[in-house]
Amino acid sequence: MAVPECVEVTTGDNPVGSVIWLHGLGADGHDFEPVVPELGLPDDLPLRFVFPHAPVRPVTINGGMAMRAWYDIISLDAQGRADEEGVHDSTALLEALVEREQQRGIESRKIVIAGFSQGGAIAINAALRSERQLAGLMALSTYLALPAVLDNIMVSRDLPVFMAHGTFDPMVLPQWGRSSADQLGAAGFTVEWHDYPMAHAVCLEEIQDIRRWLLSVYEGP
């Protein structure tokens, strides 16, 4: 499968790991590019950040307007919200990006898959379906789009999971994120959960927590 166009940022020469980070609805791969320098990662941990652009598709809740989206959003409630075919298609795109990083010399256990909002939903789905040993899953202001994936988890339950959400999020309600984290916990994963007094966004405290988590993932065994 062809991989989508991506924005790439490396924090040093000869990266030892990769973070594939998917944006949210209507954004693009440049959305989280400015976060990389804010992470302040050490020089001895050079990482490649890969920010793919989602395909352009009509989005039902936005009157069918075409925009970058990992899947169609059909309704405003949690149940039946996500277009299942679109989720599967974008999951395959993410899996292709993981495979490409491996071809570029990064072992799967050094690859974090991450995403915000819609992108986080794809990251969760891809992580749970992965037969590879991944470095970690980072899911921000998001939710479990296809709960049925919990019935056929392929990845090891040792996968480090970081989830975070704004307590004032009007777009993806905080209880959706918390419920999704609880479902992953019930399935055997240890989920590091954070919430912050913000809306559908990322804040400085969250970036600091992401930095600490990334260091723990890459400096661990």
C-alpha atoms as a PDB file:
ATOM      1  CA  MET A   1       0.000   0.000   0.000  1.00  0.00           C
ATOM      2  CA  ALA A   2       1.250   3.488  -0.853  1.00  0.00           C
ATOM      3  CA  VAL A   3       1.914   5.655   2.180  1.00  0.00           C
ATOM      4  CA  PRO A   4       0.380   9.125   2.508  1.00  0.00           C
ATOM      5  CA  GLU A   5       2.433  12.289   2.094  1.00  0.00           C
ATOM      6  CA  CYS A   6       4.084  13.240   5.378  1.00  0.00           C
ATOM      7  CA  VAL A   7       5.829  16.084   7.150  1.00  0.00           C
ATOM      8  CA  GLU A   8       8.976  14.840   8.880  1.00  0.00           C
ATOM      9  CA  VAL A   9      11.052  16.356  11.674  1.00  0.00           C
ATOM     10  CA  THR A  10      14.165  14.741  13.123  1.00  0.00           C
ATOM     11  CA  THR A  11      15.648  15.817  16.436  1.00  0.00           C
ATOM     12  CA  GLY A  12      19.134  14.646  15.473  1.00  0.00           C
ATOM     13  CA  ASP A  13      21.174  12.601  13.030  1.00  0.00           C
ATOM     14  CA  ASN A  14      20.673   8.841  12.735  1.00  0.00           C
ATOM     15  CA  PRO A  15      17.314   8.529  14.567  1.00  0.00           C
ATOM     16  CA  VAL A  16      17.033   5.632  17.006  1.00  0.00           C
ATOM     17  CA  GLY A  17      13.229   5.671  17.025  1.00  0.00           C
ATOM     18  CA  SER A  18      10.177   7.045  15.229  1.00  0.00           C
ATOM     19  CA  VAL A  19       6.960   8.675  16.386  1.00  0.00           C
ATOM     20  CA  ILE A  20       4.166   8.494  13.800  1.00  0.00           C
ATOM     21  CA  TRP A  21       1.655  11.159  14.860  1.00  0.00           C
ATOM     22  CA  LEU A  22      -1.756  11.588  13.173  1.00  0.00           C
ATOM     23  CA  HIS A  23      -3.577  14.936  13.181  1.00  0.00           C
ATOM     24  CA  GLY A  24      -7.251  15.610  13.807  1.00  0.00           C
ATOM     25  CA  LEU A  25     -10.192  16.402  11.532  1.00  0.00           C
ATOM     26  CA  GLY A  26      -9.616  19.224   9.069  1.00  0.00           C
ATOM     27  CA  ALA A  27      -5.968  19.742  10.022  1.00  0.00           C
ATOM     28  CA  ASP A  28      -2.887  18.364   8.263  1.00  0.00           C
ATOM     29  CA  GLY A  29       0.558  16.991   8.974  1.00  0.00           C
ATOM     30  CA  HIS A  30       1.906  20.419   9.892  1.00  0.00           C
ATOM     31  CA  ASP A  31      -0.473  20.699  12.866  1.00  0.00           C
ATOM     32  CA  PHE A  32       1.810  19.145  15.491  1.00  0.00           C
ATOM     33  CA  GLU A  33       5.114  19.972  13.807  1.00  0.00           C
ATOM     34  CA  PRO A  34       5.725  22.927  16.220  1.00  0.00           C
ATOM     35  CA  VAL A  35       5.376  20.600  19.234  1.00  0.00           C
ATOM     36  CA  VAL A  36       8.617  18.772  18.465  1.00  0.00           C
ATOM     37  CA  PRO A  37      11.022  21.527  19.593  1.00  0.00           C
ATOM     38  CA  GLU A  38       8.780  22.214  22.606  1.00  0.00           C
ATOM     39  CA  LEU A  39       9.398  18.646  23.795  1.00  0.00           C
ATOM     40  CA  GLY A  40      13.034  19.531  24.411  1.00  0.00           C
ATOM     41  CA  LEU A  41      14.259  15.994  23.842  1.00  0.00           C
ATOM     42  CA  PRO A  42      17.898  15.285  24.736  1.00  0.00           C
ATOM     43  CA  ASP A  43      20.575  15.246  22.033  1.00  0.00           C
ATOM     44  CA  ASP A  44      21.398  11.623  22.782  1.00  0.00           C
ATOM     45  CA  LEU A  45      17.848  10.525  21.852  1.00  0.00           C
ATOM     46  CA  PRO A  46      17.474  11.471  18.170  1.00  0.00           C
ATOM     47  CA  LEU A  47      13.949  10.657  16.978  1.00  0.00           C
ATOM     48  CA  ARG A  48      12.132  10.955  13.654  1.00  0.00           C
ATOM     49  CA  PHE A  49       8.646  12.451  13.940  1.00  0.00           C
ATOM     50  CA  VAL A  50       6.387  11.503  11.029  1.00  0.00           C
ATOM     51  CA  PHE A  51       3.231  13.580  10.565  1.00  0.00           C
ATOM     52  CA  PRO A  52       1.111  12.155   7.721  1.00  0.00           C
ATOM     53  CA  HIS A  53      -1.583  14.099   5.869  1.00  0.00           C
ATOM     54  CA  ALA A  54      -5.018  12.458   5.992  1.00  0.00           C
ATOM     55  CA  PRO A  55      -6.869  11.879   2.709  1.00  0.00           C
ATOM     56  CA  VAL A  56      -9.424  14.489   1.645  1.00  0.00           C
ATOM     57  CA  ARG A  57     -12.989  13.158   1.928  1.00  0.00           C
ATOM     58  CA  PRO A  58     -16.538  14.458   2.516  1.00  0.00           C
ATOM     59  CA  VAL A  59     -17.494  14.701   6.196  1.00  0.00           C
ATOM     60  CA  THR A  60     -21.173  14.155   6.982  1.00  0.00           C
ATOM     61  CA  ILE A  61     -21.407  16.269  10.149  1.00  0.00           C
ATOM     62  CA  ASN A  62     -19.885  19.203   8.241  1.00  0.00           C
ATOM     63  CA  GLY A  63     -22.566  19.117   5.558  1.00  0.00           C
ATOM     64  CA  GLY A  64     -20.565  16.830   3.317  1.00  0.00           C
ATOM     65  CA  MET A  65     -17.753  19.361   2.946  1.00  0.00           C
ATOM     66  CA  ALA A  66     -14.524  17.768   1.735  1.00  0.00           C
ATOM     67  CA  MET A  67     -11.560  18.100   4.107  1.00  0.00           C
ATOM     68  CA  ARG A  68      -8.671  16.094   5.444  1.00  0.00           C
ATOM     69  CA  ALA A  69     -10.180  13.334   7.540  1.00  0.00           C
ATOM     70  CA  TRP A  70      -9.096   9.855   8.588  1.00  0.00           C
ATOM     71  CA  TYR A  71     -12.728   8.734   8.371  1.00  0.00           C
ATOM     72  CA  ASP A  72     -16.188  10.196   7.967  1.00  0.00           C
ATOM     73  CA  ILE A  73     -17.938  11.356  11.141  1.00  0.00           C
ATOM     74  CA  ILE A  74     -21.560  10.392  10.746  1.00  0.00           C
ATOM     75  CA  SER A  75     -23.109  11.697  13.981  1.00  0.00           C
ATOM     76  CA  LEU A  76     -22.270  13.709  17.090  1.00  0.00           C
ATOM     77  CA  ASP A  77     -22.794  10.864  19.563  1.00  0.00           C
ATOM     78  CA  ALA A  78     -20.224   8.244  20.542  1.00  0.00           C
ATOM     79  CA  GLN A  79     -22.163   5.279  19.176  1.00  0.00           C
ATOM     80  CA  GLY A  80     -22.151   4.983  15.412  1.00  0.00           C
ATOM     81  CA  ARG A  81     -20.041   8.127  15.134  1.00  0.00           C
ATOM     82  CA  ALA A  82     -17.217   6.651  13.068  1.00  0.00           C
ATOM     83  CA  ASP A  83     -17.347   5.373   9.499  1.00  0.00           C
ATOM     84  CA  GLU A  84     -16.059   1.829   9.982  1.00  0.00           C
ATOM     85  CA  GLU A  85     -14.707   1.409   6.454  1.00  0.00           C
ATOM     86  CA  GLY A  86     -12.803   4.678   6.746  1.00  0.00           C
ATOM     87  CA  VAL A  87     -11.314   3.600  10.080  1.00  0.00           C
ATOM     88  CA  HIS A  88     -10.094   0.347   8.533  1.00  0.00           C
ATOM     89  CA  ASP A  89      -8.651   2.147   5.494  1.00  0.00           C
ATOM     90  CA  SER A  90      -6.736   4.668   7.607  1.00  0.00           C
ATOM     91  CA  THR A  91      -5.576   1.932   9.974  1.00  0.00           C
ATOM     92  CA  ALA A  92      -4.019   0.264   6.928  1.00  0.00           C
ATOM     93  CA  LEU A  93      -2.301   3.559   6.027  1.00  0.00           C
ATOM     94  CA  LEU A  94      -0.814   3.765   9.510  1.00  0.00           C
ATOM     95  CA  GLU A  95       0.315   0.150   9.342  1.00  0.00           C
ATOM     96  CA  ALA A  96       2.039   0.957   6.030  1.00  0.00           C
ATOM     97  CA  LEU A  97       3.849   3.864   7.688  1.00  0.00           C
ATOM     98  CA  VAL A  98       5.047   1.568  10.479  1.00  0.00           C
ATOM     99  CA  GLU A  99       6.321  -0.881   7.878  1.00  0.00           C
ATOM    100  CA  ARG A 100       8.145   1.926   6.062  1.00  0.00           C
ATOM    101  CA  GLU A 101       9.903   2.974   9.255  1.00  0.00           C
ATOM    102  CA  GLN A 102      11.062  -0.604   9.686  1.00  0.00           C
ATOM    103  CA  GLN A 103      12.390  -0.566   6.126  1.00  0.00           C
ATOM    104  CA  ARG A 104      14.278   2.607   7.040  1.00  0.00           C
ATOM    105  CA  GLY A 105      16.048   0.760   9.823  1.00  0.00           C
ATOM    106  CA  ILE A 106      13.845   1.466  12.873  1.00  0.00           C
ATOM    107  CA  GLU A 107      12.758  -1.651  14.745  1.00  0.00           C
ATOM    108  CA  SER A 108       9.048  -1.825  15.515  1.00  0.00           C
ATOM    109  CA  ARG A 109       9.798  -1.806  19.265  1.00  0.00           C
ATOM    110  CA  LYS A 110      11.227   1.687  18.721  1.00  0.00           C
ATOM    111  CA  ILE A 111       8.124   3.018  16.948  1.00  0.00           C
ATOM    112  CA  VAL A 112       5.455   4.977  18.843  1.00  0.00           C
ATOM    113  CA  ILE A 113       2.110   5.467  17.125  1.00  0.00           C
ATOM    114  CA  ALA A 114       0.246   8.552  18.217  1.00  0.00           C
ATOM    115  CA  GLY A 115      -2.688  10.713  17.293  1.00  0.00           C
ATOM    116  CA  PHE A 116      -4.974  13.552  18.275  1.00  0.00           C
ATOM    117  CA  SER A 117      -8.778  13.300  18.070  1.00  0.00           C
ATOM    118  CA  GLN A 118      -9.604  11.388  14.852  1.00  0.00           C
ATOM    119  CA  GLY A 119      -5.921  10.578  14.483  1.00  0.00           C
ATOM    120  CA  GLY A 120      -5.889   9.167  18.002  1.00  0.00           C
ATOM    121  CA  ALA A 121      -8.819   6.906  17.193  1.00  0.00           C
ATOM    122  CA  ILE A 122      -6.834   5.476  14.264  1.00  0.00           C
ATOM    123  CA  ALA A 123      -3.743   5.110  16.469  1.00  0.00           C
ATOM    124  CA  ILE A 124      -5.725   3.118  19.055  1.00  0.00           C
ATOM    125  CA  ASN A 125      -7.262   0.877  16.419  1.00  0.00           C
ATOM    126  CA  ALA A 126      -3.925   0.255  14.703  1.00  0.00           C
ATOM    127  CA  ALA A 127      -2.118  -0.438  17.982  1.00  0.00           C
ATOM    128  CA  LEU A 128      -4.649  -3.012  19.137  1.00  0.00           C
ATOM    129  CA  ARG A 129      -4.515  -4.764  15.755  1.00  0.00           C
ATOM    130  CA  SER A 130      -0.724  -4.768  15.531  1.00  0.00           C
ATOM    131  CA  GLU A 131       1.125  -8.057  15.458  1.00  0.00           C
ATOM    132  CA  ARG A 132       4.376  -6.123  15.915  1.00  0.00           C
ATOM    133  CA  GLN A 133       5.952  -5.186  19.228  1.00  0.00           C
ATOM    134  CA  LEU A 134       5.556  -1.401  19.338  1.00  0.00           C
ATOM    135  CA  ALA A 135       7.274   1.128  21.592  1.00  0.00           C
ATOM    136  CA  GLY A 136       4.015   2.708  22.712  1.00  0.00           C
ATOM    137  CA  LEU A 137       0.607   4.217  21.966  1.00  0.00           C
ATOM    138  CA  MET A 138      -0.155   7.893  22.577  1.00  0.00           C
ATOM    139  CA  ALA A 139      -3.824   8.855  22.166  1.00  0.00           C
ATOM    140  CA  LEU A 140      -4.794  12.492  22.794  1.00  0.00           C
ATOM    141  CA  SER A 141      -8.318  13.904  23.113  1.00  0.00           C
ATOM    142  CA  THR A 142      -9.759  10.838  21.465  1.00  0.00           C
ATOM    143  CA  TYR A 143     -11.825   7.695  21.910  1.00  0.00           C
ATOM    144  CA  LEU A 144     -12.130   4.047  20.933  1.00  0.00           C
ATOM    145  CA  ALA A 145     -13.861   4.331  17.550  1.00  0.00           C
ATOM    146  CA  LEU A 146     -14.534   0.608  17.013  1.00  0.00           C
ATOM    147  CA  PRO A 147     -14.985  -1.135  20.393  1.00  0.00           C
ATOM    148  CA  ALA A 148     -15.259  -4.509  18.617  1.00  0.00           C
ATOM    149  CA  VAL A 149     -11.466  -4.425  18.144  1.00  0.00           C
ATOM    150  CA  LEU A 150     -11.210  -5.305  21.848  1.00  0.00           C
ATOM    151  CA  ASP A 151     -12.535  -8.770  20.979  1.00  0.00           C
ATOM    152  CA  ASN A 152      -9.479  -9.531  18.840  1.00  0.00           C
ATOM    153  CA  ILE A 153      -6.489  -7.756  20.352  1.00  0.00           C
ATOM    154  CA  MET A 154      -3.235  -8.773  18.670  1.00  0.00           C
ATOM    155  CA  VAL A 155      -0.670  -6.545  20.377  1.00  0.00           C
ATOM    156  CA  SER A 156       0.974  -7.417  23.696  1.00  0.00           C
ATOM    157  CA  ARG A 157      -0.748  -6.032  26.791  1.00  0.00           C
ATOM    158  CA  ASP A 158       2.703  -4.772  27.850  1.00  0.00           C
ATOM    159  CA  LEU A 159       2.313  -1.932  25.338  1.00  0.00           C
ATOM    160  CA  PRO A 160       2.840   1.428  27.123  1.00  0.00           C
ATOM    161  CA  VAL A 161      -0.278   3.569  26.667  1.00  0.00           C
ATOM    162  CA  PHE A 162      -0.548   7.334  27.262  1.00  0.00           C
ATOM    163  CA  MET A 163      -3.989   8.943  27.048  1.00  0.00           C
ATOM    164  CA  ALA A 164      -4.910  12.554  27.780  1.00  0.00           C
ATOM    165  CA  HIS A 165      -7.992  14.747  27.422  1.00  0.00           C
ATOM    166  CA  GLY A 166      -9.264  18.245  28.078  1.00  0.00           C
ATOM    167  CA  THR A 167     -11.914  18.432  30.788  1.00  0.00           C
ATOM    168  CA  PHE A 168     -13.769  21.146  28.816  1.00  0.00           C
ATOM    169  CA  ASP A 169     -13.608  19.417  25.434  1.00  0.00           C
ATOM    170  CA  PRO A 170     -16.878  20.093  23.533  1.00  0.00           C
ATOM    171  CA  MET A 171     -15.826  18.142  20.422  1.00  0.00           C
ATOM    172  CA  VAL A 172     -14.791  14.780  21.856  1.00  0.00           C
ATOM    173  CA  LEU A 173     -16.408  14.655  25.273  1.00  0.00           C
ATOM    174  CA  PRO A 174     -14.023  13.891  28.133  1.00  0.00           C
ATOM    175  CA  GLN A 175     -16.170  10.995  29.323  1.00  0.00           C
ATOM    176  CA  TRP A 176     -15.612   9.306  25.938  1.00  0.00           C
ATOM    177  CA  GLY A 177     -11.866   9.437  26.469  1.00  0.00           C
ATOM    178  CA  ARG A 178     -12.087   8.275  30.073  1.00  0.00           C
ATOM    179  CA  SER A 179     -14.423   5.418  29.128  1.00  0.00           C
ATOM    180  CA  SER A 180     -12.058   4.349  26.348  1.00  0.00           C
ATOM    181  CA  ALA A 181      -9.123   4.362  28.763  1.00  0.00           C
ATOM    182  CA  ASP A 182     -11.158   2.273  31.208  1.00  0.00           C
ATOM    183  CA  GLN A 183     -11.999  -0.233  28.460  1.00  0.00           C
ATOM    184  CA  LEU A 184      -8.321  -0.580  27.570  1.00  0.00           C
ATOM    185  CA  GLY A 185      -7.535  -1.054  31.249  1.00  0.00           C
ATOM    186  CA  ALA A 186     -10.192  -3.751  31.541  1.00  0.00           C
ATOM    187  CA  ALA A 187      -8.622  -5.468  28.523  1.00  0.00           C
ATOM    188  CA  GLY A 188      -5.325  -5.755  30.388  1.00  0.00           C
ATOM    189  CA  PHE A 189      -3.400  -2.622  29.383  1.00  0.00           C
ATOM    190  CA  THR A 190      -1.790  -0.256  31.866  1.00  0.00           C
ATOM    191  CA  VAL A 191      -3.001   3.172  30.761  1.00  0.00           C
ATOM    192  CA  GLU A 192      -1.331   6.363  31.938  1.00  0.00           C
ATOM    193  CA  TRP A 193      -4.243   8.816  32.016  1.00  0.00           C
ATOM    194  CA  HIS A 194      -4.074  12.611  32.264  1.00  0.00           C
ATOM    195  CA  ASP A 195      -6.671  15.331  32.024  1.00  0.00           C
ATOM    196  CA  TYR A 196      -6.164  19.081  31.823  1.00  0.00           C
ATOM    197  CA  PRO A 197      -8.419  22.140  32.198  1.00  0.00           C
ATOM    198  CA  MET A 198      -8.654  22.867  28.467  1.00  0.00           C
ATOM    199  CA  ALA A 199     -10.937  22.343  25.467  1.00  0.00           C
ATOM    200  CA  HIS A 200     -10.100  20.340  22.310  1.00  0.00           C
ATOM    201  CA  ALA A 201      -6.440  21.262  22.297  1.00  0.00           C
ATOM    202  CA  VAL A 202      -2.965  20.539  23.638  1.00  0.00           C
ATOM    203  CA  CYS A 203      -1.437  22.487  26.522  1.00  0.00           C
ATOM    204  CA  LEU A 204       2.072  23.044  27.872  1.00  0.00           C
ATOM    205  CA  GLU A 205       1.568  20.745  30.866  1.00  0.00           C
ATOM    206  CA  GLU A 206       0.454  17.990  28.494  1.00  0.00           C
ATOM    207  CA  ILE A 207       3.546  18.481  26.310  1.00  0.00           C
ATOM    208  CA  GLN A 208       5.717  18.157  29.415  1.00  0.00           C
ATOM    209  CA  ASP A 209       3.939  14.919  30.353  1.00  0.00           C
ATOM    210  CA  ILE A 210       4.375  13.613  26.795  1.00  0.00           C
ATOM    211  CA  ARG A 211       8.091  14.406  27.004  1.00  0.00           C
ATOM    212  CA  ARG A 212       8.464  12.466  30.240  1.00  0.00           C
ATOM    213  CA  TRP A 213       6.485   9.535  28.833  1.00  0.00           C
ATOM    214  CA  LEU A 214       8.529   9.422  25.632  1.00  0.00           C
ATOM    215  CA  LEU A 215      11.739   9.401  27.664  1.00  0.00           C
ATOM    216  CA  SER A 216      10.412   6.496  29.743  1.00  0.00           C
ATOM    217  CA  VAL A 217       9.445   4.586  26.600  1.00  0.00           C
ATOM    218  CA  TYR A 218      12.753   5.052  24.816  1.00  0.00           C
ATOM    219  CA  GLU A 219      15.039   4.791  27.823  1.00  0.00           C
ATOM    220  CA  GLY A 220      13.298   1.721  29.214  1.00  0.00           C
ATOM    221  CA  PRO A 221      14.347  -1.894  28.606  1.00  0.00           C
END
